[in-house]
Protein backbone atom coordinates (compact mmCIF):
# COMPACT_ATOMS: atom_id res chain seq x y z
CA MET A 1 0.00 0.00 0.00
CA PHE A 2 1.33 3.43 -0.94
CA ASN A 3 2.11 5.64 2.08
CA PRO A 4 -0.46 8.34 1.11
CA ALA A 5 -3.12 5.60 0.90
CA ARG A 6 -2.23 4.34 4.36
CA GLU A 7 -2.40 7.90 5.73
CA TYR A 8 -5.83 8.36 4.11
CA TRP A 9 -7.28 5.25 5.74
CA GLU A 10 -5.64 5.97 9.08
CA GLY A 11 -7.63 9.21 9.14
CA ASP A 12 -10.91 7.69 7.92
CA ASN A 13 -13.83 6.48 10.03
CA THR A 14 -14.17 2.81 10.86
CA ASP A 15 -17.94 2.80 10.39
CA VAL A 16 -19.92 2.05 7.22
CA ASP A 17 -19.95 5.70 6.19
CA GLY A 18 -16.20 5.84 6.28
CA MET A 19 -15.45 2.49 4.71
CA LEU A 20 -18.17 2.10 2.07
CA GLY A 21 -19.59 5.57 1.68
CA GLY A 22 -22.68 4.70 3.70
CA ILE A 23 -23.59 1.67 1.58
CA PRO A 24 -24.00 -1.29 3.97
CA SER A 25 -23.75 -4.07 1.42
CA MET A 26 -21.99 -4.06 -1.91
CA VAL A 27 -22.08 -7.77 -2.78
CA SER A 28 -25.22 -9.76 -3.50
CA PHE A 29 -25.80 -13.48 -3.10
CA SER A 30 -26.84 -13.67 -6.75
CA HIS A 31 -23.58 -12.12 -7.91
CA VAL A 32 -21.43 -14.44 -5.82
CA SER A 33 -23.48 -17.46 -6.85
CA LYS A 34 -22.65 -16.79 -10.49
CA LEU A 35 -19.02 -17.33 -9.59
CA GLY A 36 -20.01 -20.70 -8.15
CA ILE A 37 -19.47 -19.62 -4.55
CA GLY A 38 -21.98 -19.18 -1.75
CA LYS A 39 -24.04 -21.23 0.66
CA LYS A 40 -27.56 -20.13 -0.17
CA ASN A 41 -29.75 -22.64 -2.02
CA GLY A 42 -27.17 -25.41 -1.79
CA TRP A 43 -24.23 -23.68 -3.46
CA ARG A 44 -20.93 -25.02 -2.23
CA THR A 45 -19.26 -23.30 0.71
CA VAL A 46 -15.62 -23.29 1.66
CA ALA A 47 -13.87 -24.51 4.78
CA SER A 48 -11.02 -22.03 4.84
CA ALA A 49 -10.70 -18.58 3.31
CA LEU A 50 -8.35 -15.62 3.24
CA GLU A 51 -9.74 -12.12 2.75
CA GLY A 52 -7.38 -9.39 1.59
CA ARG A 53 -8.24 -5.81 2.51
CA GLY A 54 -6.88 -2.53 1.28
CA GLY A 55 -8.20 0.14 3.61
CA GLY A 56 -11.40 -0.42 5.54
CA GLY A 57 -13.51 -2.09 2.88
CA GLY A 58 -14.24 -5.80 2.89
CA GLY A 59 -16.39 -8.15 4.92
CA ALA A 60 -17.79 -9.79 1.81
CA ILE A 61 -16.91 -13.41 2.43
CA ASP A 62 -18.80 -14.03 5.66
CA PHE A 63 -21.59 -15.69 3.70
CA VAL A 64 -19.40 -17.94 1.55
CA THR A 65 -17.51 -19.82 4.25
CA ASP A 66 -18.84 -22.17 6.89
CA GLY A 67 -15.37 -22.66 8.30
CA GLN A 68 -12.63 -20.34 9.43
CA GLN A 69 -11.30 -17.31 7.64
CA ASN A 70 -8.16 -15.24 7.89
CA ALA A 71 -7.76 -11.62 6.88
CA ALA A 72 -4.87 -9.38 5.90
CA ALA A 73 -5.49 -5.72 6.79
CA PRO A 74 -2.82 -2.99 6.61
CA VAL A 75 -4.42 -0.36 8.87
CA ALA A 76 -4.19 -1.16 12.58
CA LYS A 77 -7.50 0.37 13.69
CA PHE A 78 -9.42 -1.92 11.33
CA VAL A 79 -7.81 -5.03 12.81
CA ALA A 80 -9.53 -5.08 16.23
CA PRO A 81 -13.10 -5.35 14.83
CA LEU A 82 -12.00 -8.24 12.62
CA GLU A 83 -10.68 -10.15 15.61
CA GLU A 84 -14.19 -10.06 17.10
CA VAL A 85 -15.80 -11.65 14.03
CA THR A 86 -17.01 -15.21 14.56
CA GLY A 87 -14.86 -17.59 12.57
CA GLU A 88 -11.87 -15.29 12.27
CA ARG A 89 -8.78 -17.36 12.93
CA SER A 90 -5.90 -14.96 12.31
CA VAL A 91 -5.76 -11.33 11.29
CA PHE A 92 -2.50 -10.21 9.75
CA ASN A 93 -1.87 -6.50 10.30
CA VAL A 94 0.08 -6.12 7.06
CA GLY A 95 -0.55 -4.87 3.56
CA LEU A 96 -0.88 -7.42 0.78
CA GLU A 97 2.58 -6.43 -0.43
CA ASP A 98 4.04 -7.73 2.85
CA TRP A 99 1.74 -10.70 3.44
CA LEU A 100 3.39 -14.12 3.45
CA PRO A 101 1.67 -17.53 3.43
CA SER A 102 1.68 -19.37 6.75
CA GLU A 103 3.40 -22.73 6.61
CA GLY A 104 0.88 -25.55 6.59
CA THR A 105 -2.14 -23.29 5.94
CA VAL A 106 -4.05 -23.63 2.68
CA TYR A 107 -7.21 -21.85 1.57
CA ASP A 108 -10.14 -22.99 -0.53
CA LEU A 109 -10.86 -19.36 -1.33
CA ILE A 110 -8.76 -16.20 -1.47
CA TRP A 111 -11.10 -13.21 -1.70
CA LEU A 112 -9.73 -9.82 -2.77
CA GLN A 113 -12.25 -7.00 -2.80
CA TRP A 114 -11.25 -3.38 -3.51
CA CYS A 115 -7.67 -3.90 -2.38
CA VAL A 116 -5.36 -4.78 -5.28
CA GLY A 117 -5.66 -1.20 -6.51
CA TYR A 118 -3.38 -0.26 -3.63
CA LEU A 119 -0.58 -2.42 -5.04
CA ALA A 120 1.91 -1.33 -7.68
CA ASP A 121 2.04 -3.62 -10.72
CA GLU A 122 5.13 -5.48 -9.56
CA GLN A 123 3.68 -5.87 -6.05
CA LEU A 124 0.49 -7.35 -7.45
CA VAL A 125 2.38 -9.90 -9.54
CA ALA A 126 4.57 -10.90 -6.58
CA PHE A 127 1.56 -11.15 -4.24
CA ARG A 128 -0.34 -13.41 -6.61
CA LYS A 129 2.67 -15.68 -6.98
CA ARG A 130 2.78 -16.06 -3.19
CA CYS A 131 -0.93 -16.82 -3.13
CA GLU A 132 -0.37 -19.89 -5.27
CA GLU A 133 1.55 -21.45 -2.39
CA ALA A 134 -1.42 -20.95 -0.07
CA LEU A 135 -4.23 -22.12 -2.35
CA ASN A 136 -5.74 -25.59 -2.01
CA VAL A 137 -4.64 -27.51 -5.11
CA ASP A 138 -7.91 -29.45 -4.98
CA GLY A 139 -10.40 -26.88 -6.28
CA GLY A 140 -9.16 -23.72 -4.60
CA VAL A 141 -9.83 -20.41 -6.36
CA MET A 142 -9.09 -16.72 -6.00
CA VAL A 143 -11.83 -14.15 -6.54
CA VAL A 144 -10.93 -10.56 -7.35
CA LYS A 145 -13.68 -7.95 -7.13
CA GLU A 146 -12.54 -4.55 -8.36
CA ASN A 147 -13.68 -1.44 -10.10
CA PHE A 148 -12.12 -0.99 -13.52
CA SER A 149 -11.31 2.02 -15.63
CA THR A 150 -13.45 2.75 -18.68
CA SER A 151 -11.36 5.73 -19.80
CA GLY A 152 -8.94 3.59 -21.77
CA ALA A 153 -6.11 4.11 -19.29
CA ASP A 154 -5.22 3.20 -15.72
CA ALA A 155 -6.19 6.01 -13.34
CA LEU A 156 -4.75 7.08 -9.98
CA ASP A 157 -7.15 8.57 -7.43
CA GLU A 158 -5.16 11.31 -5.72
CA VAL A 159 -7.49 11.24 -2.69
CA ASP A 160 -6.91 7.69 -1.43
CA TRP A 161 -4.17 6.71 -3.90
CA VAL A 162 -5.92 3.70 -5.36
CA VAL A 163 -5.15 2.73 -8.95
CA THR A 164 -8.17 1.84 -11.07
CA ARG A 165 -6.87 -0.35 -13.89
CA VAL A 166 -8.28 -1.11 -17.31
CA ASP A 167 -9.34 -4.67 -18.04
CA SER A 168 -6.30 -5.38 -20.22
CA THR A 169 -3.90 -4.34 -17.46
CA PHE A 170 -5.53 -6.72 -14.99
CA LEU A 171 -5.32 -9.61 -17.43
CA ARG A 172 -1.69 -8.88 -18.32
CA LEU A 173 -0.62 -8.77 -14.67
CA PHE A 174 -2.53 -11.91 -13.76
CA ASP A 175 -0.99 -13.71 -16.73
CA GLU A 176 2.49 -12.60 -15.63
CA ALA A 177 1.77 -14.07 -12.20
CA GLY A 178 0.78 -17.40 -13.74
CA TRP A 179 -2.99 -17.34 -13.22
CA ARG A 180 -5.81 -18.07 -15.64
CA VAL A 181 -9.37 -16.77 -15.64
CA ILE A 182 -12.04 -19.40 -15.11
CA ARG A 183 -15.12 -17.17 -14.74
CA THR A 184 -16.00 -13.49 -14.99
CA GLU A 185 -19.13 -11.62 -13.95
CA THR A 186 -19.98 -7.93 -13.94
CA GLN A 187 -21.63 -6.05 -11.09
CA LYS A 188 -20.88 -2.32 -11.08
CA GLY A 189 -17.33 -3.30 -11.94
CA PHE A 190 -16.12 -6.86 -12.29
CA SER A 191 -14.93 -9.94 -10.49
CA TYR A 192 -12.56 -12.58 -11.74
CA ALA A 193 -12.28 -16.10 -10.42
CA PHE A 194 -8.81 -17.54 -10.91
CA LYS A 195 -6.77 -20.67 -10.67
CA PRO A 196 -3.01 -21.02 -11.07
CA ARG A 197 -2.39 -21.85 -14.73
CA ASP A 198 -0.95 -25.28 -13.95
CA ALA A 199 -3.53 -26.27 -11.34
CA PRO A 200 -5.73 -29.30 -12.12
CA GLY A 201 -9.33 -28.67 -13.11
CA ALA A 202 -10.87 -25.70 -14.85
CA GLY A 203 -14.21 -25.20 -13.17
CA PRO A 204 -15.21 -22.83 -10.38
CA LEU A 205 -15.91 -24.00 -6.85
């Protein structure tokens, strides 16, 4: 996370108004179900998940895991509330650029919502390579939910220092990291579901 971005979130509120602009829920069951993830109406759930956070936003995977979930959050004041969440196992108070897989821990789902925009291109590639070590080789996937630029160029928000990338930039960086797209859906932006390129199987969860 860029230093100006960290400073922005350190000065922001920890409530819904501060984190999501007053919008209490930004992810619907129907949207997640299209990616093959979710527990409503018999959709498969996951036993172990990692949620990456940029600033204060997140909290989207509580309805897709029946097991335990970890979270990586770079801003200290957002860590304490996460530790009170039922099912939270470990909360890493680090940015995604500094997160390292824990030996012996694998995830069925790695969920990244509104956070990879705080990583420089080379940080994003390196992070995704590390994620491969932590993903369950038997059906594990990564979901990336992000806004994307429609201006034809990547754009830097000078308020919170998040980079909004064009679709082609995302795909290039993910390809460099060795991941392949297995499903895409659009909901006021887009989400990608990914597997490492060499992982067995091609379907979503």
